[in-house]
Amino acid sequence: MGINSAPMDALDFLNRRRSVPSRLLTEPGPDDRQLDALLNAALRVPDHGKLTPWRFLTLRGEARHVLGERLVARALALDPLAPASTIEKDRARFSFAPLIVVVVATPVAGHKVPVVEQLVSGGAVCFALLQGAQALGFGAQWLTGWAAYDRTILDQLGLAAHEQVLGFIHIGTSQGEAPERLRPTLESKLSDWTP
């Protein structure tokens, strides 16, 4: 079968994917219909065992600022002498993009599907959200940061003890051109296995 324009258009789309820094994201964000479309598309990722070992939380409106203040309180509890610039960065961390989708890993322990495969499926969810946001004309960035690994913050987000944050997916309208970064060459990452 020959190559037609539709597959090339899809590859071109994939090759143009860029992360937009969260500080460049602003209103408008996805409306409820667009958000449902994004999340439903992300549900279609590979999922060995059909475990759906992930779930979503959304941060919008005032909730973003409340979480920023909780980060400040936690950062100061961990380091009362933290620099003011660090504290302000934590305060603003979730204030730029109008929507943050938190992808939460909910691994099923003791299942024949190894936990690492379940986490990789959740990573695919994060990437699907980036692609879906771009397809809808939005910018997006997948971030973690210290808050994704701090048990106190995870408890405040309502995560169970076995759950973890795989990514905070910041989504909004880009205020500028998404920067390109240096990408590895295919030759540096490809080898043939020879028995």
N, C-alpha and C. Protein backbone atom coordinates (compact mmCIF):
# COMPACT_ATOMS: atom_id res chain seq x y z
N MET A 1 0.85 -1.17 0.00
CA MET A 1 0.00 0.00 0.00
C MET A 1 0.90 1.24 0.00
N GLY A 2 0.59 2.20 -0.83
CA GLY A 2 1.40 3.41 -0.94
C GLY A 2 1.09 4.40 0.16
N ILE A 3 1.95 5.40 0.23
CA ILE A 3 1.76 6.47 1.21
C ILE A 3 0.83 7.51 0.62
N ASN A 4 -0.22 7.85 1.36
CA ASN A 4 -1.10 8.93 0.91
C ASN A 4 -0.94 10.13 1.82
N SER A 5 -1.66 11.20 1.54
CA SER A 5 -1.44 12.44 2.27
C SER A 5 -1.93 12.38 3.72
N ALA A 6 -2.95 11.58 4.02
CA ALA A 6 -3.46 11.54 5.39
C ALA A 6 -2.41 11.05 6.39
N PRO A 7 -1.73 9.91 6.13
CA PRO A 7 -0.70 9.49 7.09
C PRO A 7 0.43 10.51 7.19
N MET A 8 0.82 11.13 6.08
CA MET A 8 1.88 12.12 6.15
C MET A 8 1.43 13.34 6.95
N ASP A 9 0.16 13.72 6.80
CA ASP A 9 -0.35 14.83 7.60
C ASP A 9 -0.28 14.50 9.08
N ALA A 10 -0.60 13.25 9.44
CA ALA A 10 -0.55 12.84 10.84
C ALA A 10 0.89 12.85 11.34
N LEU A 11 1.82 12.36 10.54
CA LEU A 11 3.23 12.38 10.95
C LEU A 11 3.74 13.81 11.06
N ASP A 12 3.32 14.67 10.15
CA ASP A 12 3.73 16.07 10.23
C ASP A 12 3.22 16.68 11.53
N PHE A 13 1.99 16.38 11.90
CA PHE A 13 1.43 16.86 13.16
C PHE A 13 2.28 16.40 14.34
N LEU A 14 2.64 15.11 14.35
CA LEU A 14 3.45 14.58 15.45
C LEU A 14 4.83 15.24 15.49
N ASN A 15 5.39 15.50 14.32
CA ASN A 15 6.72 16.11 14.26
C ASN A 15 6.70 17.59 14.65
N ARG A 16 5.54 18.20 14.68
CA ARG A 16 5.43 19.61 15.07
C ARG A 16 5.06 19.77 16.55
N ARG A 17 4.90 18.68 17.28
CA ARG A 17 4.51 18.78 18.69
C ARG A 17 5.60 19.50 19.48
N ARG A 18 5.18 20.44 20.28
CA ARG A 18 6.08 21.20 21.14
C ARG A 18 5.41 21.40 22.50
N SER A 19 6.22 21.41 23.53
CA SER A 19 5.71 21.79 24.85
C SER A 19 5.77 23.30 24.95
N VAL A 20 4.68 23.89 25.41
CA VAL A 20 4.62 25.33 25.64
C VAL A 20 4.84 25.55 27.13
N PRO A 21 5.87 26.31 27.52
CA PRO A 21 6.10 26.54 28.96
C PRO A 21 4.83 27.04 29.64
N SER A 22 4.56 26.49 30.81
CA SER A 22 3.31 26.82 31.50
C SER A 22 3.14 28.31 31.73
N ARG A 23 4.24 29.03 31.93
CA ARG A 23 4.14 30.48 32.17
C ARG A 23 3.66 31.24 30.94
N LEU A 24 3.66 30.57 29.76
CA LEU A 24 3.16 31.19 28.53
C LEU A 24 1.72 30.81 28.23
N LEU A 25 1.09 30.06 29.14
CA LEU A 25 -0.28 29.61 28.91
C LEU A 25 -1.27 30.49 29.67
N THR A 26 -2.35 30.85 28.99
CA THR A 26 -3.34 31.72 29.59
C THR A 26 -4.73 31.32 29.11
N GLU A 27 -5.74 32.08 29.52
CA GLU A 27 -7.11 31.89 29.04
C GLU A 27 -7.18 32.20 27.55
N PRO A 28 -8.10 31.60 26.83
CA PRO A 28 -9.04 30.58 27.31
C PRO A 28 -8.39 29.20 27.32
N GLY A 29 -8.94 28.37 28.18
CA GLY A 29 -8.57 26.96 28.19
C GLY A 29 -9.70 26.17 27.55
N PRO A 30 -9.57 24.87 27.54
CA PRO A 30 -10.64 24.04 26.98
C PRO A 30 -11.96 24.25 27.72
N ASP A 31 -13.05 24.30 26.97
CA ASP A 31 -14.36 24.33 27.61
C ASP A 31 -14.71 22.89 28.02
N ASP A 32 -15.86 22.72 28.64
CA ASP A 32 -16.22 21.39 29.16
C ASP A 32 -16.29 20.34 28.05
N ARG A 33 -16.82 20.71 26.91
CA ARG A 33 -16.91 19.77 25.78
C ARG A 33 -15.52 19.37 25.29
N GLN A 34 -14.64 20.35 25.16
CA GLN A 34 -13.28 20.06 24.72
C GLN A 34 -12.52 19.23 25.76
N LEU A 35 -12.73 19.54 27.03
CA LEU A 35 -12.08 18.76 28.08
C LEU A 35 -12.54 17.31 28.04
N ASP A 36 -13.84 17.09 27.88
CA ASP A 36 -14.35 15.72 27.77
C ASP A 36 -13.71 15.01 26.57
N ALA A 37 -13.59 15.70 25.45
CA ALA A 37 -12.98 15.11 24.26
C ALA A 37 -11.52 14.74 24.54
N LEU A 38 -10.78 15.64 25.19
CA LEU A 38 -9.38 15.37 25.53
C LEU A 38 -9.25 14.14 26.43
N LEU A 39 -10.05 14.11 27.48
CA LEU A 39 -9.95 13.01 28.43
C LEU A 39 -10.39 11.69 27.81
N ASN A 40 -11.45 11.72 26.99
CA ASN A 40 -11.88 10.49 26.32
C ASN A 40 -10.83 9.98 25.34
N ALA A 41 -10.14 10.89 24.66
CA ALA A 41 -9.06 10.46 23.76
C ALA A 41 -7.93 9.82 24.56
N ALA A 42 -7.63 10.40 25.72
CA ALA A 42 -6.55 9.86 26.55
C ALA A 42 -6.88 8.49 27.11
N LEU A 43 -8.16 8.16 27.23
CA LEU A 43 -8.56 6.84 27.72
C LEU A 43 -8.22 5.73 26.74
N ARG A 44 -7.83 6.09 25.52
CA ARG A 44 -7.60 5.09 24.47
C ARG A 44 -6.15 4.61 24.39
N VAL A 45 -5.34 4.94 25.38
CA VAL A 45 -3.93 4.54 25.35
C VAL A 45 -3.80 3.03 25.54
N PRO A 46 -2.67 2.46 25.14
CA PRO A 46 -2.43 1.04 25.42
C PRO A 46 -2.50 0.77 26.93
N ASP A 47 -3.11 -0.35 27.28
CA ASP A 47 -3.36 -0.65 28.69
C ASP A 47 -3.39 -2.17 28.85
N HIS A 48 -2.20 -2.76 29.00
CA HIS A 48 -2.06 -4.21 29.15
C HIS A 48 -2.88 -4.68 30.34
N GLY A 49 -3.77 -5.62 30.10
CA GLY A 49 -4.62 -6.15 31.15
C GLY A 49 -5.91 -5.39 31.35
N LYS A 50 -6.09 -4.30 30.59
CA LYS A 50 -7.30 -3.47 30.71
C LYS A 50 -7.55 -3.07 32.17
N LEU A 51 -6.48 -2.64 32.84
CA LEU A 51 -6.57 -2.30 34.26
C LEU A 51 -6.97 -0.83 34.49
N THR A 52 -6.83 -0.01 33.48
CA THR A 52 -6.98 1.45 33.62
C THR A 52 -6.35 1.93 34.94
N PRO A 53 -5.03 1.76 35.05
CA PRO A 53 -4.35 2.05 36.33
C PRO A 53 -4.00 3.53 36.49
N TRP A 54 -4.95 4.39 36.21
CA TRP A 54 -4.77 5.83 36.30
C TRP A 54 -6.13 6.50 36.39
N ARG A 55 -6.10 7.74 36.85
CA ARG A 55 -7.32 8.54 36.92
C ARG A 55 -6.92 10.01 36.76
N PHE A 56 -7.93 10.87 36.67
CA PHE A 56 -7.69 12.30 36.45
C PHE A 56 -8.23 13.13 37.61
N LEU A 57 -7.51 14.22 37.91
CA LEU A 57 -8.02 15.32 38.73
C LEU A 57 -7.89 16.57 37.88
N THR A 58 -8.83 17.49 37.99
CA THR A 58 -8.66 18.76 37.28
C THR A 58 -8.51 19.88 38.30
N LEU A 59 -7.63 20.80 37.96
CA LEU A 59 -7.44 22.01 38.75
C LEU A 59 -7.83 23.18 37.87
N ARG A 60 -8.82 23.93 38.31
CA ARG A 60 -9.28 25.11 37.56
C ARG A 60 -9.62 26.21 38.55
N GLY A 61 -9.69 27.42 38.03
CA GLY A 61 -10.14 28.55 38.84
C GLY A 61 -9.34 28.72 40.12
N GLU A 62 -10.05 28.99 41.19
CA GLU A 62 -9.43 29.28 42.48
C GLU A 62 -8.66 28.09 43.04
N ALA A 63 -9.04 26.89 42.68
CA ALA A 63 -8.34 25.70 43.18
C ALA A 63 -6.86 25.74 42.85
N ARG A 64 -6.50 26.33 41.71
CA ARG A 64 -5.09 26.44 41.32
C ARG A 64 -4.32 27.30 42.31
N HIS A 65 -4.94 28.39 42.75
CA HIS A 65 -4.28 29.31 43.69
C HIS A 65 -4.23 28.72 45.10
N VAL A 66 -5.27 28.00 45.48
CA VAL A 66 -5.26 27.33 46.78
C VAL A 66 -4.12 26.32 46.83
N LEU A 67 -3.94 25.55 45.76
CA LEU A 67 -2.84 24.58 45.73
C LEU A 67 -1.50 25.30 45.80
N GLY A 68 -1.38 26.42 45.12
CA GLY A 68 -0.14 27.21 45.20
C GLY A 68 0.16 27.64 46.63
N GLU A 69 -0.84 28.07 47.36
CA GLU A 69 -0.64 28.47 48.76
C GLU A 69 -0.27 27.27 49.63
N ARG A 70 -0.83 26.12 49.32
CA ARG A 70 -0.46 24.92 50.08
C ARG A 70 0.97 24.51 49.79
N LEU A 71 1.42 24.70 48.55
CA LEU A 71 2.81 24.45 48.23
C LEU A 71 3.72 25.38 49.03
N VAL A 72 3.34 26.64 49.13
CA VAL A 72 4.12 27.61 49.90
C VAL A 72 4.22 27.15 51.36
N ALA A 73 3.08 26.78 51.96
CA ALA A 73 3.09 26.35 53.35
C ALA A 73 3.97 25.12 53.54
N ARG A 74 3.89 24.20 52.62
CA ARG A 74 4.69 22.97 52.74
C ARG A 74 6.17 23.27 52.52
N ALA A 75 6.48 24.11 51.54
CA ALA A 75 7.88 24.46 51.28
C ALA A 75 8.49 25.13 52.50
N LEU A 76 7.74 26.02 53.15
CA LEU A 76 8.26 26.70 54.33
C LEU A 76 8.37 25.75 55.53
N ALA A 77 7.48 24.76 55.59
CA ALA A 77 7.60 23.76 56.66
C ALA A 77 8.86 22.92 56.46
N LEU A 78 9.20 22.64 55.21
CA LEU A 78 10.40 21.85 54.91
C LEU A 78 11.67 22.67 55.06
N ASP A 79 11.58 23.96 54.72
CA ASP A 79 12.75 24.84 54.77
C ASP A 79 12.32 26.25 55.13
N PRO A 80 12.27 26.57 56.42
CA PRO A 80 11.84 27.91 56.83
C PRO A 80 12.70 29.04 56.28
N LEU A 81 13.90 28.72 55.82
CA LEU A 81 14.80 29.73 55.28
C LEU A 81 14.82 29.72 53.75
N ALA A 82 13.82 29.11 53.14
CA ALA A 82 13.76 29.06 51.68
C ALA A 82 13.78 30.47 51.11
N PRO A 83 14.51 30.68 50.02
CA PRO A 83 14.55 32.02 49.41
C PRO A 83 13.17 32.48 48.95
N ALA A 84 12.94 33.78 49.04
CA ALA A 84 11.66 34.35 48.62
C ALA A 84 11.35 34.01 47.18
N SER A 85 12.35 33.96 46.31
CA SER A 85 12.12 33.65 44.90
C SER A 85 11.59 32.23 44.73
N THR A 86 12.09 31.31 45.54
CA THR A 86 11.61 29.92 45.49
C THR A 86 10.17 29.84 45.96
N ILE A 87 9.85 30.57 47.03
CA ILE A 87 8.49 30.57 47.57
C ILE A 87 7.52 31.17 46.56
N GLU A 88 7.91 32.26 45.91
CA GLU A 88 7.03 32.88 44.92
C GLU A 88 6.83 31.97 43.70
N LYS A 89 7.87 31.24 43.32
CA LYS A 89 7.74 30.28 42.21
C LYS A 89 6.72 29.21 42.57
N ASP A 90 6.77 28.71 43.80
CA ASP A 90 5.80 27.71 44.23
C ASP A 90 4.39 28.29 44.27
N ARG A 91 4.25 29.53 44.74
CA ARG A 91 2.94 30.17 44.81
C ARG A 91 2.31 30.28 43.42
N ALA A 92 3.13 30.59 42.42
CA ALA A 92 2.61 30.82 41.06
C ALA A 92 2.59 29.56 40.20
N ARG A 93 3.12 28.48 40.70
CA ARG A 93 3.33 27.27 39.89
C ARG A 93 2.09 26.83 39.10
N PHE A 94 0.92 26.95 39.68
CA PHE A 94 -0.31 26.49 39.02
C PHE A 94 -1.22 27.64 38.59
N SER A 95 -0.70 28.84 38.54
CA SER A 95 -1.55 30.01 38.31
C SER A 95 -1.61 30.47 36.86
N PHE A 96 -0.81 29.94 35.98
CA PHE A 96 -0.75 30.44 34.60
C PHE A 96 -1.80 29.78 33.71
N ALA A 97 -1.68 28.49 33.48
CA ALA A 97 -2.64 27.78 32.62
C ALA A 97 -4.00 27.74 33.29
N PRO A 98 -5.07 27.94 32.53
CA PRO A 98 -6.41 27.91 33.12
C PRO A 98 -6.86 26.51 33.52
N LEU A 99 -6.19 25.49 32.99
CA LEU A 99 -6.56 24.11 33.31
C LEU A 99 -5.29 23.30 33.55
N ILE A 100 -5.29 22.57 34.64
CA ILE A 100 -4.24 21.58 34.88
C ILE A 100 -4.95 20.25 35.10
N VAL A 101 -4.59 19.27 34.29
CA VAL A 101 -5.10 17.92 34.48
C VAL A 101 -4.01 17.14 35.20
N VAL A 102 -4.35 16.63 36.37
CA VAL A 102 -3.41 15.83 37.14
C VAL A 102 -3.67 14.37 36.76
N VAL A 103 -2.65 13.72 36.22
CA VAL A 103 -2.76 12.31 35.88
C VAL A 103 -2.20 11.53 37.08
N VAL A 104 -3.08 10.73 37.68
CA VAL A 104 -2.74 10.01 38.90
C VAL A 104 -2.62 8.52 38.58
N ALA A 105 -1.48 7.94 38.93
CA ALA A 105 -1.30 6.50 38.78
C ALA A 105 -2.03 5.79 39.91
N THR A 106 -2.79 4.76 39.53
CA THR A 106 -3.52 3.94 40.50
C THR A 106 -3.14 2.47 40.27
N PRO A 107 -1.87 2.13 40.44
CA PRO A 107 -1.41 0.79 40.08
C PRO A 107 -2.10 -0.31 40.88
N VAL A 108 -2.28 -1.43 40.21
CA VAL A 108 -2.89 -2.61 40.82
C VAL A 108 -1.74 -3.53 41.23
N ALA A 109 -1.47 -3.59 42.52
CA ALA A 109 -0.37 -4.41 43.03
C ALA A 109 -0.72 -5.88 42.94
N GLY A 110 0.29 -6.73 42.74
CA GLY A 110 0.09 -8.17 42.74
C GLY A 110 -0.56 -8.71 41.49
N HIS A 111 -0.78 -7.89 40.50
CA HIS A 111 -1.38 -8.33 39.24
C HIS A 111 -0.29 -8.90 38.34
N LYS A 112 -0.68 -9.76 37.39
CA LYS A 112 0.33 -10.33 36.48
C LYS A 112 0.97 -9.26 35.60
N VAL A 113 0.27 -8.13 35.39
CA VAL A 113 0.84 -7.02 34.64
C VAL A 113 1.75 -6.25 35.60
N PRO A 114 3.06 -6.20 35.32
CA PRO A 114 3.97 -5.52 36.24
C PRO A 114 3.59 -4.04 36.43
N VAL A 115 3.87 -3.53 37.62
CA VAL A 115 3.55 -2.14 37.93
C VAL A 115 4.21 -1.20 36.93
N VAL A 116 5.43 -1.52 36.50
CA VAL A 116 6.11 -0.63 35.55
C VAL A 116 5.29 -0.47 34.26
N GLU A 117 4.66 -1.54 33.80
CA GLU A 117 3.82 -1.44 32.60
C GLU A 117 2.59 -0.58 32.87
N GLN A 118 2.07 -0.66 34.08
CA GLN A 118 0.92 0.17 34.44
C GLN A 118 1.31 1.65 34.48
N LEU A 119 2.50 1.95 34.99
CA LEU A 119 2.98 3.33 35.04
C LEU A 119 3.25 3.86 33.63
N VAL A 120 3.79 3.01 32.77
CA VAL A 120 4.05 3.43 31.39
C VAL A 120 2.73 3.75 30.69
N SER A 121 1.69 2.99 30.97
CA SER A 121 0.37 3.29 30.41
C SER A 121 -0.09 4.67 30.86
N GLY A 122 0.13 4.99 32.13
CA GLY A 122 -0.21 6.32 32.63
C GLY A 122 0.62 7.42 31.97
N GLY A 123 1.89 7.12 31.68
CA GLY A 123 2.71 8.07 30.95
C GLY A 123 2.16 8.32 29.56
N ALA A 124 1.63 7.27 28.94
CA ALA A 124 1.01 7.42 27.63
C ALA A 124 -0.23 8.32 27.72
N VAL A 125 -0.95 8.25 28.83
CA VAL A 125 -2.09 9.14 29.05
C VAL A 125 -1.62 10.60 29.06
N CYS A 126 -0.52 10.85 29.76
CA CYS A 126 0.02 12.22 29.81
C CYS A 126 0.36 12.72 28.41
N PHE A 127 1.02 11.88 27.64
CA PHE A 127 1.41 12.29 26.29
C PHE A 127 0.20 12.46 25.38
N ALA A 128 -0.79 11.60 25.55
CA ALA A 128 -2.01 11.73 24.75
C ALA A 128 -2.70 13.06 25.04
N LEU A 129 -2.66 13.51 26.29
CA LEU A 129 -3.25 14.80 26.63
C LEU A 129 -2.49 15.94 25.95
N LEU A 130 -1.16 15.85 25.89
CA LEU A 130 -0.38 16.87 25.19
C LEU A 130 -0.76 16.92 23.71
N GLN A 131 -0.84 15.76 23.09
CA GLN A 131 -1.19 15.71 21.67
C GLN A 131 -2.60 16.20 21.43
N GLY A 132 -3.53 15.78 22.28
CA GLY A 132 -4.92 16.20 22.13
C GLY A 132 -5.08 17.70 22.30
N ALA A 133 -4.37 18.27 23.26
CA ALA A 133 -4.44 19.72 23.46
C ALA A 133 -3.95 20.45 22.22
N GLN A 134 -2.84 19.99 21.65
CA GLN A 134 -2.32 20.62 20.45
C GLN A 134 -3.30 20.45 19.29
N ALA A 135 -3.92 19.30 19.18
CA ALA A 135 -4.88 19.06 18.10
C ALA A 135 -6.07 20.02 18.19
N LEU A 136 -6.41 20.42 19.42
CA LEU A 136 -7.52 21.37 19.62
C LEU A 136 -7.07 22.82 19.52
N GLY A 137 -5.79 23.05 19.27
CA GLY A 137 -5.28 24.40 19.12
C GLY A 137 -4.76 25.04 20.39
N PHE A 138 -4.62 24.24 21.46
CA PHE A 138 -4.10 24.75 22.73
C PHE A 138 -2.62 24.42 22.86
N GLY A 139 -1.98 25.10 23.78
CA GLY A 139 -0.63 24.76 24.18
C GLY A 139 -0.72 23.93 25.45
N ALA A 140 0.33 23.15 25.70
CA ALA A 140 0.33 22.32 26.90
C ALA A 140 1.75 21.98 27.31
N GLN A 141 1.91 21.71 28.60
CA GLN A 141 3.19 21.26 29.12
C GLN A 141 2.95 20.22 30.20
N TRP A 142 3.76 19.17 30.18
CA TRP A 142 3.72 18.09 31.16
C TRP A 142 4.80 18.38 32.19
N LEU A 143 4.40 18.65 33.43
CA LEU A 143 5.35 18.95 34.50
C LEU A 143 5.11 18.02 35.69
N THR A 144 6.15 17.88 36.49
CA THR A 144 6.00 17.21 37.78
C THR A 144 6.47 18.20 38.86
N GLY A 145 7.75 18.23 39.14
CA GLY A 145 8.25 19.09 40.21
C GLY A 145 8.11 18.39 41.55
N TRP A 146 8.66 19.02 42.58
CA TRP A 146 8.72 18.38 43.89
C TRP A 146 7.35 18.03 44.44
N ALA A 147 6.34 18.83 44.09
CA ALA A 147 4.99 18.59 44.62
C ALA A 147 4.43 17.24 44.20
N ALA A 148 4.88 16.73 43.06
CA ALA A 148 4.39 15.44 42.57
C ALA A 148 4.89 14.27 43.42
N TYR A 149 5.89 14.53 44.26
CA TYR A 149 6.52 13.45 45.04
C TYR A 149 6.41 13.67 46.54
N ASP A 150 5.75 14.73 46.95
CA ASP A 150 5.65 15.05 48.37
C ASP A 150 4.36 14.46 48.93
N ARG A 151 4.50 13.56 49.90
CA ARG A 151 3.34 12.84 50.42
C ARG A 151 2.31 13.78 51.05
N THR A 152 2.75 14.84 51.69
CA THR A 152 1.80 15.78 52.29
C THR A 152 0.93 16.43 51.22
N ILE A 153 1.55 16.86 50.13
CA ILE A 153 0.79 17.47 49.03
C ILE A 153 -0.12 16.43 48.39
N LEU A 154 0.39 15.21 48.19
CA LEU A 154 -0.45 14.17 47.60
C LEU A 154 -1.66 13.87 48.47
N ASP A 155 -1.46 13.86 49.79
CA ASP A 155 -2.59 13.66 50.70
C ASP A 155 -3.60 14.80 50.56
N GLN A 156 -3.11 16.03 50.43
CA GLN A 156 -4.01 17.17 50.29
C GLN A 156 -4.79 17.12 48.98
N LEU A 157 -4.20 16.50 47.97
CA LEU A 157 -4.91 16.32 46.69
C LEU A 157 -5.89 15.14 46.74
N GLY A 158 -5.87 14.39 47.83
CA GLY A 158 -6.80 13.28 47.99
C GLY A 158 -6.31 11.96 47.42
N LEU A 159 -5.00 11.84 47.19
CA LEU A 159 -4.48 10.59 46.66
C LEU A 159 -4.37 9.54 47.76
N ALA A 160 -4.69 8.31 47.41
CA ALA A 160 -4.53 7.19 48.34
C ALA A 160 -3.05 6.87 48.48
N ALA A 161 -2.71 6.10 49.49
CA ALA A 161 -1.31 5.81 49.79
C ALA A 161 -0.60 5.12 48.63
N HIS A 162 -1.31 4.33 47.85
CA HIS A 162 -0.67 3.60 46.74
C HIS A 162 -0.63 4.42 45.44
N GLU A 163 -1.22 5.62 45.45
CA GLU A 163 -1.30 6.43 44.24
C GLU A 163 -0.14 7.43 44.17
N GLN A 164 0.17 7.85 42.95
CA GLN A 164 1.20 8.86 42.76
C GLN A 164 0.85 9.73 41.55
N VAL A 165 1.39 10.93 41.54
CA VAL A 165 1.18 11.84 40.41
C VAL A 165 2.18 11.48 39.32
N LEU A 166 1.66 11.24 38.12
CA LEU A 166 2.53 11.02 36.96
C LEU A 166 2.80 12.32 36.23
N GLY A 167 1.89 13.27 36.32
CA GLY A 167 2.11 14.54 35.66
C GLY A 167 1.02 15.53 35.95
N PHE A 168 1.44 16.79 35.99
CA PHE A 168 0.52 17.92 35.99
C PHE A 168 0.53 18.43 34.55
N ILE A 169 -0.55 18.25 33.82
CA ILE A 169 -0.62 18.65 32.42
C ILE A 169 -1.28 20.03 32.37
N HIS A 170 -0.47 21.04 32.11
CA HIS A 170 -0.94 22.43 32.05
C HIS A 170 -1.43 22.71 30.64
N ILE A 171 -2.68 23.20 30.51
CA ILE A 171 -3.29 23.40 29.20
C ILE A 171 -3.92 24.79 29.14
N GLY A 172 -3.66 25.50 28.04
CA GLY A 172 -4.25 26.81 27.85
C GLY A 172 -3.90 27.36 26.48
N THR A 173 -4.15 28.63 26.29
CA THR A 173 -3.83 29.31 25.03
C THR A 173 -2.42 29.88 25.14
N SER A 174 -1.61 29.56 24.15
CA SER A 174 -0.22 30.00 24.17
C SER A 174 -0.13 31.50 23.87
N GLN A 175 0.65 32.20 24.69
CA GLN A 175 0.90 33.63 24.47
C GLN A 175 2.11 33.87 23.56
N GLY A 176 2.76 32.82 23.14
CA GLY A 176 3.94 32.96 22.30
C GLY A 176 4.24 31.68 21.59
N GLU A 177 5.23 31.73 20.74
CA GLU A 177 5.66 30.56 19.97
C GLU A 177 6.28 29.54 20.91
N ALA A 178 5.86 28.30 20.77
CA ALA A 178 6.46 27.23 21.57
C ALA A 178 7.91 27.05 21.14
N PRO A 179 8.84 27.07 22.07
CA PRO A 179 10.25 26.95 21.70
C PRO A 179 10.59 25.53 21.23
N GLU A 180 11.48 25.46 20.28
CA GLU A 180 12.01 24.16 19.87
C GLU A 180 13.24 23.89 20.73
N ARG A 181 13.52 22.66 20.95
CA ARG A 181 14.73 22.29 21.68
C ARG A 181 15.54 21.34 20.82
N LEU A 182 16.77 21.17 21.19
CA LEU A 182 17.64 20.26 20.47
C LEU A 182 17.11 18.84 20.66
N ARG A 183 16.90 18.15 19.58
CA ARG A 183 16.42 16.76 19.63
C ARG A 183 17.57 15.82 19.30
N PRO A 184 17.54 14.61 19.83
CA PRO A 184 18.60 13.66 19.49
C PRO A 184 18.47 13.24 18.03
N THR A 185 19.57 12.86 17.45
CA THR A 185 19.52 12.32 16.09
C THR A 185 19.06 10.87 16.17
N LEU A 186 18.39 10.43 15.16
CA LEU A 186 17.95 9.04 15.11
C LEU A 186 19.16 8.10 15.19
N GLU A 187 20.23 8.47 14.51
CA GLU A 187 21.42 7.62 14.49
C GLU A 187 21.99 7.40 15.89
N SER A 188 21.82 8.40 16.78
CA SER A 188 22.37 8.26 18.13
C SER A 188 21.50 7.37 19.01
N LYS A 189 20.30 7.05 18.57
CA LYS A 189 19.37 6.28 19.40
C LYS A 189 18.95 4.94 18.78
N LEU A 190 19.41 4.66 17.57
CA LEU A 190 18.96 3.47 16.86
C LEU A 190 20.11 2.49 16.65
N SER A 191 19.84 1.25 16.95
CA SER A 191 20.80 0.18 16.63
C SER A 191 19.99 -1.05 16.24
N ASP A 192 20.61 -1.90 15.45
CA ASP A 192 20.00 -3.17 15.05
C ASP A 192 20.55 -4.27 15.95
N TRP A 193 19.67 -5.10 16.44
CA TRP A 193 20.12 -6.25 17.21
C TRP A 193 20.51 -7.34 16.23
N THR A 194 21.68 -7.88 16.43
CA THR A 194 22.16 -8.95 15.56
C THR A 194 22.47 -10.16 16.43
N PRO A 195 21.73 -11.24 16.23
CA PRO A 195 21.99 -12.45 17.07
C PRO A 195 23.32 -13.10 16.72
